[in-house]
Amino acid sequence: MTDDKSVMAVLVEAAENKGMWSDISDFSDEDVECLNQDVMIFRGKAYEFIDRLFQSSE
């Protein structure tokens, strides 16, 4: 049995681990498109947030 998490659950956990926070109201409907549990498309402010989340800390 696998313990697969949804995309959003992984992103929330990663943001919490890095001490990042963003209000979901900061993103418009056009910024996040959820195709299914495993595939999401991020644009605009949502993309910028995800990009900052996964940038390496050098």
N, C-alpha and C. Protein backbone atom coordinates (compact mmCIF):
# COMPACT_ATOMS: atom_id res chain seq x y z
N MET A 1 0.86 -1.18 0.00
CA MET A 1 0.00 0.00 0.00
C MET A 1 0.89 1.23 0.00
N THR A 2 0.64 2.16 -0.90
CA THR A 2 1.45 3.37 -0.99
C THR A 2 0.77 4.50 -0.23
N ASP A 3 1.59 5.44 0.18
CA ASP A 3 1.08 6.60 0.91
C ASP A 3 1.26 7.84 0.03
N ASP A 4 0.62 7.84 -1.13
CA ASP A 4 0.74 8.95 -2.05
C ASP A 4 -0.05 10.14 -1.53
N LYS A 5 0.57 11.32 -1.64
CA LYS A 5 -0.09 12.55 -1.22
C LYS A 5 -0.50 13.33 -2.45
N SER A 6 -1.51 14.15 -2.31
CA SER A 6 -1.91 15.02 -3.41
C SER A 6 -0.85 16.09 -3.60
N VAL A 7 -0.86 16.71 -4.76
CA VAL A 7 0.09 17.79 -5.07
C VAL A 7 -0.02 18.89 -4.03
N MET A 8 -1.21 19.30 -3.70
CA MET A 8 -1.41 20.40 -2.76
C MET A 8 -0.89 20.03 -1.38
N ALA A 9 -1.09 18.80 -0.93
CA ALA A 9 -0.58 18.38 0.37
C ALA A 9 0.94 18.44 0.42
N VAL A 10 1.60 18.03 -0.65
CA VAL A 10 3.06 18.09 -0.72
C VAL A 10 3.53 19.54 -0.69
N LEU A 11 2.87 20.42 -1.43
CA LEU A 11 3.26 21.83 -1.46
C LEU A 11 3.07 22.50 -0.10
N VAL A 12 1.96 22.22 0.55
CA VAL A 12 1.70 22.81 1.87
C VAL A 12 2.75 22.34 2.86
N GLU A 13 3.07 21.04 2.84
CA GLU A 13 4.08 20.51 3.75
C GLU A 13 5.45 21.13 3.49
N ALA A 14 5.82 21.27 2.21
CA ALA A 14 7.11 21.88 1.86
C ALA A 14 7.16 23.34 2.31
N ALA A 15 6.08 24.07 2.13
CA ALA A 15 6.04 25.47 2.55
C ALA A 15 6.15 25.59 4.06
N GLU A 16 5.46 24.73 4.78
CA GLU A 16 5.54 24.75 6.24
C GLU A 16 6.96 24.44 6.71
N ASN A 17 7.60 23.47 6.07
CA ASN A 17 8.97 23.09 6.46
C ASN A 17 9.96 24.23 6.22
N LYS A 18 9.69 25.08 5.24
CA LYS A 18 10.58 26.21 4.96
C LYS A 18 10.12 27.48 5.67
N GLY A 19 9.04 27.40 6.42
CA GLY A 19 8.55 28.58 7.13
C GLY A 19 7.89 29.59 6.22
N MET A 20 7.44 29.16 5.04
CA MET A 20 6.77 30.07 4.10
C MET A 20 5.27 29.97 4.31
N TRP A 21 4.59 31.07 4.04
CA TRP A 21 3.14 31.10 4.17
C TRP A 21 2.59 32.02 3.11
N SER A 22 1.48 31.64 2.54
CA SER A 22 0.78 32.50 1.59
C SER A 22 -0.70 32.25 1.73
N ASP A 23 -1.46 33.30 1.69
CA ASP A 23 -2.91 33.18 1.79
C ASP A 23 -3.45 32.75 0.43
N ILE A 24 -4.29 31.74 0.43
CA ILE A 24 -4.85 31.22 -0.82
C ILE A 24 -5.59 32.32 -1.59
N SER A 25 -6.09 33.34 -0.88
CA SER A 25 -6.80 34.43 -1.56
C SER A 25 -5.85 35.30 -2.38
N ASP A 26 -4.53 35.12 -2.18
CA ASP A 26 -3.55 35.86 -2.98
C ASP A 26 -3.54 35.37 -4.43
N PHE A 27 -4.05 34.17 -4.66
CA PHE A 27 -4.03 33.57 -5.99
C PHE A 27 -5.42 33.65 -6.62
N SER A 28 -5.46 34.07 -7.88
CA SER A 28 -6.74 34.12 -8.59
C SER A 28 -7.05 32.74 -9.17
N ASP A 29 -8.26 32.56 -9.64
CA ASP A 29 -8.65 31.29 -10.24
C ASP A 29 -7.80 30.96 -11.47
N GLU A 30 -7.31 31.99 -12.15
CA GLU A 30 -6.49 31.77 -13.33
C GLU A 30 -5.07 31.35 -12.96
N ASP A 31 -4.66 31.60 -11.70
CA ASP A 31 -3.30 31.28 -11.26
C ASP A 31 -3.09 29.78 -11.02
N VAL A 32 -4.14 29.08 -10.58
CA VAL A 32 -4.02 27.67 -10.25
C VAL A 32 -5.11 26.89 -10.97
N GLU A 33 -4.68 25.91 -11.76
CA GLU A 33 -5.62 25.04 -12.46
C GLU A 33 -5.35 23.61 -12.01
N CYS A 34 -6.34 22.97 -11.42
CA CYS A 34 -6.19 21.61 -10.92
C CYS A 34 -6.80 20.65 -11.94
N LEU A 35 -5.93 19.90 -12.63
CA LEU A 35 -6.41 18.95 -13.63
C LEU A 35 -6.91 17.67 -12.98
N ASN A 36 -6.22 17.23 -11.93
CA ASN A 36 -6.64 16.09 -11.12
C ASN A 36 -5.83 16.12 -9.83
N GLN A 37 -5.91 15.06 -9.02
CA GLN A 37 -5.21 15.03 -7.73
C GLN A 37 -3.70 15.15 -7.90
N ASP A 38 -3.16 14.71 -9.03
CA ASP A 38 -1.72 14.65 -9.22
C ASP A 38 -1.15 15.72 -10.15
N VAL A 39 -2.00 16.49 -10.83
CA VAL A 39 -1.51 17.46 -11.80
C VAL A 39 -2.16 18.82 -11.57
N MET A 40 -1.30 19.82 -11.33
CA MET A 40 -1.78 21.18 -11.18
C MET A 40 -0.92 22.09 -12.05
N ILE A 41 -1.53 23.15 -12.57
CA ILE A 41 -0.82 24.13 -13.37
C ILE A 41 -0.82 25.45 -12.59
N PHE A 42 0.38 26.00 -12.41
CA PHE A 42 0.54 27.25 -11.66
C PHE A 42 0.98 28.36 -12.60
N ARG A 43 0.35 29.52 -12.47
CA ARG A 43 0.70 30.70 -13.26
C ARG A 43 0.76 31.91 -12.31
N GLY A 44 1.30 33.00 -12.79
CA GLY A 44 1.28 34.26 -12.06
C GLY A 44 1.84 34.17 -10.65
N LYS A 45 1.09 34.71 -9.68
CA LYS A 45 1.55 34.75 -8.29
C LYS A 45 1.75 33.35 -7.72
N ALA A 46 0.91 32.41 -8.11
CA ALA A 46 1.07 31.04 -7.62
C ALA A 46 2.37 30.44 -8.12
N TYR A 47 2.71 30.69 -9.38
CA TYR A 47 3.98 30.19 -9.93
C TYR A 47 5.16 30.81 -9.19
N GLU A 48 5.10 32.11 -8.93
CA GLU A 48 6.18 32.79 -8.23
C GLU A 48 6.37 32.20 -6.82
N PHE A 49 5.26 31.89 -6.15
CA PHE A 49 5.34 31.30 -4.82
C PHE A 49 6.01 29.92 -4.89
N ILE A 50 5.60 29.09 -5.83
CA ILE A 50 6.17 27.74 -5.99
C ILE A 50 7.65 27.85 -6.38
N ASP A 51 7.98 28.78 -7.24
CA ASP A 51 9.37 28.96 -7.65
C ASP A 51 10.24 29.31 -6.44
N ARG A 52 9.78 30.25 -5.61
CA ARG A 52 10.53 30.62 -4.39
C ARG A 52 10.64 29.45 -3.44
N LEU A 53 9.57 28.65 -3.36
CA LEU A 53 9.53 27.51 -2.45
C LEU A 53 10.64 26.51 -2.76
N PHE A 54 10.88 26.28 -4.04
CA PHE A 54 11.83 25.23 -4.41
C PHE A 54 13.19 25.76 -4.88
N GLN A 55 13.44 27.05 -4.76
CA GLN A 55 14.77 27.57 -5.07
C GLN A 55 15.74 27.07 -4.03
N SER A 56 16.93 26.74 -4.48
CA SER A 56 17.94 26.28 -3.52
C SER A 56 18.40 27.46 -2.68
N SER A 57 18.66 27.20 -1.42
CA SER A 57 19.12 28.26 -0.52
C SER A 57 20.65 28.23 -0.50
N GLU A 58 21.23 29.16 -1.26
CA GLU A 58 22.69 29.21 -1.36
C GLU A 58 23.24 30.33 -0.53
